[in-house]
N, C-alpha and C. Protein backbone atom coordinates (compact mmCIF):
# COMPACT_ATOMS: atom_id res chain seq x y z
N MET A 1 0.83 -1.19 0.00
CA MET A 1 0.00 0.00 0.00
C MET A 1 0.88 1.25 0.00
N PRO A 2 0.49 2.29 -0.72
CA PRO A 2 1.31 3.51 -0.74
C PRO A 2 1.18 4.30 0.55
N LYS A 3 2.14 5.18 0.76
CA LYS A 3 2.08 6.05 1.93
C LYS A 3 0.91 7.01 1.79
N THR A 4 0.33 7.41 2.93
CA THR A 4 -0.74 8.41 2.88
C THR A 4 -0.13 9.80 2.86
N LYS A 5 -0.74 10.69 2.11
CA LYS A 5 -0.21 12.04 1.96
C LYS A 5 -0.82 12.97 2.99
N THR A 6 -0.02 13.88 3.50
CA THR A 6 -0.55 14.91 4.38
C THR A 6 -1.29 15.93 3.54
N ASN A 7 -2.24 16.60 4.14
CA ASN A 7 -2.98 17.65 3.46
C ASN A 7 -2.05 18.85 3.27
N SER A 8 -1.83 19.25 2.03
CA SER A 8 -0.82 20.28 1.77
C SER A 8 -1.25 21.65 2.28
N GLY A 9 -2.56 21.91 2.37
CA GLY A 9 -3.01 23.16 2.95
C GLY A 9 -2.77 23.21 4.44
N ALA A 10 -2.96 22.08 5.12
CA ALA A 10 -2.78 22.03 6.56
C ALA A 10 -1.31 22.11 6.95
N LYS A 11 -0.44 21.50 6.16
CA LYS A 11 0.98 21.51 6.55
C LYS A 11 1.59 22.90 6.42
N LYS A 12 0.97 23.77 5.60
CA LYS A 12 1.44 25.15 5.49
C LYS A 12 0.92 26.02 6.64
N ARG A 13 -0.18 25.61 7.27
CA ARG A 13 -0.83 26.47 8.26
C ARG A 13 -0.57 26.09 9.71
N PHE A 14 -0.17 24.87 9.98
CA PHE A 14 -0.04 24.40 11.36
C PHE A 14 1.34 23.81 11.61
N THR A 15 1.84 23.99 12.84
CA THR A 15 3.07 23.33 13.26
C THR A 15 2.83 22.68 14.61
N ILE A 16 3.59 21.64 14.88
CA ILE A 16 3.44 20.88 16.12
C ILE A 16 4.48 21.38 17.12
N THR A 17 4.06 21.63 18.35
CA THR A 17 4.99 22.04 19.40
C THR A 17 5.66 20.80 19.98
N GLY A 18 6.63 21.03 20.82
CA GLY A 18 7.34 19.92 21.45
C GLY A 18 6.46 19.08 22.35
N SER A 19 5.45 19.70 22.94
CA SER A 19 4.55 18.96 23.84
C SER A 19 3.39 18.32 23.08
N GLY A 20 3.34 18.49 21.76
CA GLY A 20 2.30 17.83 20.97
C GLY A 20 1.09 18.69 20.67
N LYS A 21 1.09 19.94 21.13
CA LYS A 21 -0.01 20.84 20.79
C LYS A 21 0.19 21.38 19.38
N ILE A 22 -0.86 21.96 18.82
CA ILE A 22 -0.80 22.45 17.45
C ILE A 22 -0.84 23.98 17.47
N LYS A 23 0.15 24.59 16.82
CA LYS A 23 0.29 26.04 16.77
C LYS A 23 -0.34 26.56 15.49
N ARG A 24 -0.96 27.74 15.56
CA ARG A 24 -1.61 28.34 14.40
C ARG A 24 -1.40 29.84 14.41
N LYS A 25 -1.64 30.47 13.24
CA LYS A 25 -1.59 31.92 13.14
C LYS A 25 -2.99 32.48 13.33
N HIS A 26 -3.08 33.76 13.69
CA HIS A 26 -4.36 34.42 13.84
C HIS A 26 -4.87 34.92 12.50
N ALA A 27 -6.17 35.00 12.36
CA ALA A 27 -6.79 35.58 11.17
C ALA A 27 -6.88 37.09 11.34
N PHE A 28 -7.31 37.78 10.29
CA PHE A 28 -7.58 39.23 10.28
C PHE A 28 -6.33 40.08 10.42
N LYS A 29 -5.20 39.63 9.93
CA LYS A 29 -3.96 40.41 10.02
C LYS A 29 -3.43 40.76 8.63
N ARG A 30 -4.18 40.49 7.56
CA ARG A 30 -3.65 40.64 6.21
C ARG A 30 -3.89 42.02 5.61
N HIS A 31 -5.09 42.55 5.71
CA HIS A 31 -5.39 43.83 5.06
C HIS A 31 -6.45 44.56 5.87
N ILE A 32 -6.78 45.78 5.45
CA ILE A 32 -7.67 46.69 6.19
C ILE A 32 -7.16 46.85 7.63
N LEU A 33 -5.89 47.23 7.74
CA LEU A 33 -5.26 47.34 9.06
C LEU A 33 -5.35 48.74 9.63
N THR A 34 -5.81 49.72 8.84
CA THR A 34 -5.80 51.09 9.33
C THR A 34 -6.83 51.31 10.42
N LYS A 35 -7.95 50.61 10.37
CA LYS A 35 -8.99 50.81 11.38
C LYS A 35 -8.78 49.97 12.63
N LYS A 36 -7.80 49.08 12.62
CA LYS A 36 -7.54 48.24 13.77
C LYS A 36 -6.51 48.90 14.67
N SER A 37 -6.69 48.76 15.96
CA SER A 37 -5.78 49.41 16.91
C SER A 37 -4.42 48.71 16.90
N ASN A 38 -3.41 49.44 17.36
CA ASN A 38 -2.06 48.88 17.42
C ASN A 38 -2.02 47.66 18.33
N LYS A 39 -2.75 47.71 19.43
CA LYS A 39 -2.76 46.59 20.37
C LYS A 39 -3.37 45.36 19.71
N ARG A 40 -4.46 45.57 18.97
CA ARG A 40 -5.12 44.44 18.31
C ARG A 40 -4.22 43.82 17.24
N LYS A 41 -3.55 44.66 16.45
CA LYS A 41 -2.65 44.16 15.42
C LYS A 41 -1.46 43.43 16.04
N ARG A 42 -0.95 43.96 17.15
CA ARG A 42 0.17 43.33 17.82
C ARG A 42 -0.23 41.96 18.36
N ASP A 43 -1.40 41.87 18.97
CA ASP A 43 -1.85 40.59 19.52
C ASP A 43 -2.13 39.57 18.42
N LEU A 44 -2.59 40.02 17.26
CA LEU A 44 -2.84 39.11 16.15
C LEU A 44 -1.55 38.56 15.55
N GLY A 45 -0.44 39.24 15.79
CA GLY A 45 0.83 38.79 15.24
C GLY A 45 1.38 37.57 15.93
N TYR A 46 1.00 37.34 17.19
CA TYR A 46 1.52 36.20 17.93
C TYR A 46 0.81 34.92 17.52
N PHE A 47 1.47 33.80 17.74
CA PHE A 47 0.85 32.51 17.46
C PHE A 47 -0.17 32.16 18.52
N GLY A 48 -1.15 31.35 18.13
CA GLY A 48 -2.13 30.83 19.06
C GLY A 48 -2.10 29.32 19.01
N LEU A 49 -2.88 28.70 19.87
CA LEU A 49 -2.99 27.24 19.88
C LEU A 49 -4.37 26.85 19.37
N VAL A 50 -4.42 25.72 18.70
CA VAL A 50 -5.68 25.20 18.18
C VAL A 50 -6.51 24.69 19.36
N SER A 51 -7.82 24.91 19.30
CA SER A 51 -8.68 24.46 20.38
C SER A 51 -8.74 22.94 20.41
N SER A 52 -9.05 22.42 21.58
CA SER A 52 -9.08 20.96 21.74
C SER A 52 -10.16 20.31 20.89
N ALA A 53 -11.24 21.06 20.57
CA ALA A 53 -12.30 20.51 19.73
C ALA A 53 -11.84 20.28 18.30
N ASP A 54 -10.87 21.07 17.83
CA ASP A 54 -10.40 20.96 16.45
C ASP A 54 -9.14 20.11 16.30
N GLU A 55 -8.50 19.78 17.41
CA GLU A 55 -7.22 19.08 17.34
C GLU A 55 -7.30 17.75 16.61
N LYS A 56 -8.34 16.97 16.85
CA LYS A 56 -8.46 15.65 16.25
C LYS A 56 -8.52 15.75 14.73
N ASN A 57 -9.31 16.71 14.21
CA ASN A 57 -9.44 16.86 12.76
C ASN A 57 -8.12 17.30 12.12
N ILE A 58 -7.41 18.21 12.78
CA ILE A 58 -6.17 18.71 12.20
C ILE A 58 -5.08 17.64 12.26
N LYS A 59 -5.04 16.87 13.31
CA LYS A 59 -4.07 15.77 13.39
C LYS A 59 -4.36 14.75 12.30
N HIS A 60 -5.61 14.56 11.96
CA HIS A 60 -5.96 13.64 10.87
C HIS A 60 -5.44 14.19 9.53
N LEU A 61 -5.58 15.51 9.34
CA LEU A 61 -5.08 16.12 8.10
C LEU A 61 -3.55 16.03 8.01
N LEU A 62 -2.89 16.17 9.16
CA LEU A 62 -1.43 16.13 9.19
C LEU A 62 -0.89 14.70 9.28
N LYS A 63 -1.78 13.74 9.42
CA LYS A 63 -1.40 12.32 9.53
C LYS A 63 -0.46 12.06 10.70
N ILE A 64 -0.85 12.59 11.87
CA ILE A 64 -0.05 12.39 13.09
C ILE A 64 -0.63 11.22 13.87
């Protein structure tokens, strides 16, 4: 049987931490930034963690 392929969209968007959690970027940081406050833009720049409800689906896409 051939190897299973990881989802190429998911592998570009998520990374695995050392403890096994899944790291993600925040949305709403690409354009229309003039009306957003500096604090909001700064907070959106940091990485976040995927919620526990979504972890199973993303691990399936990443074939973990």
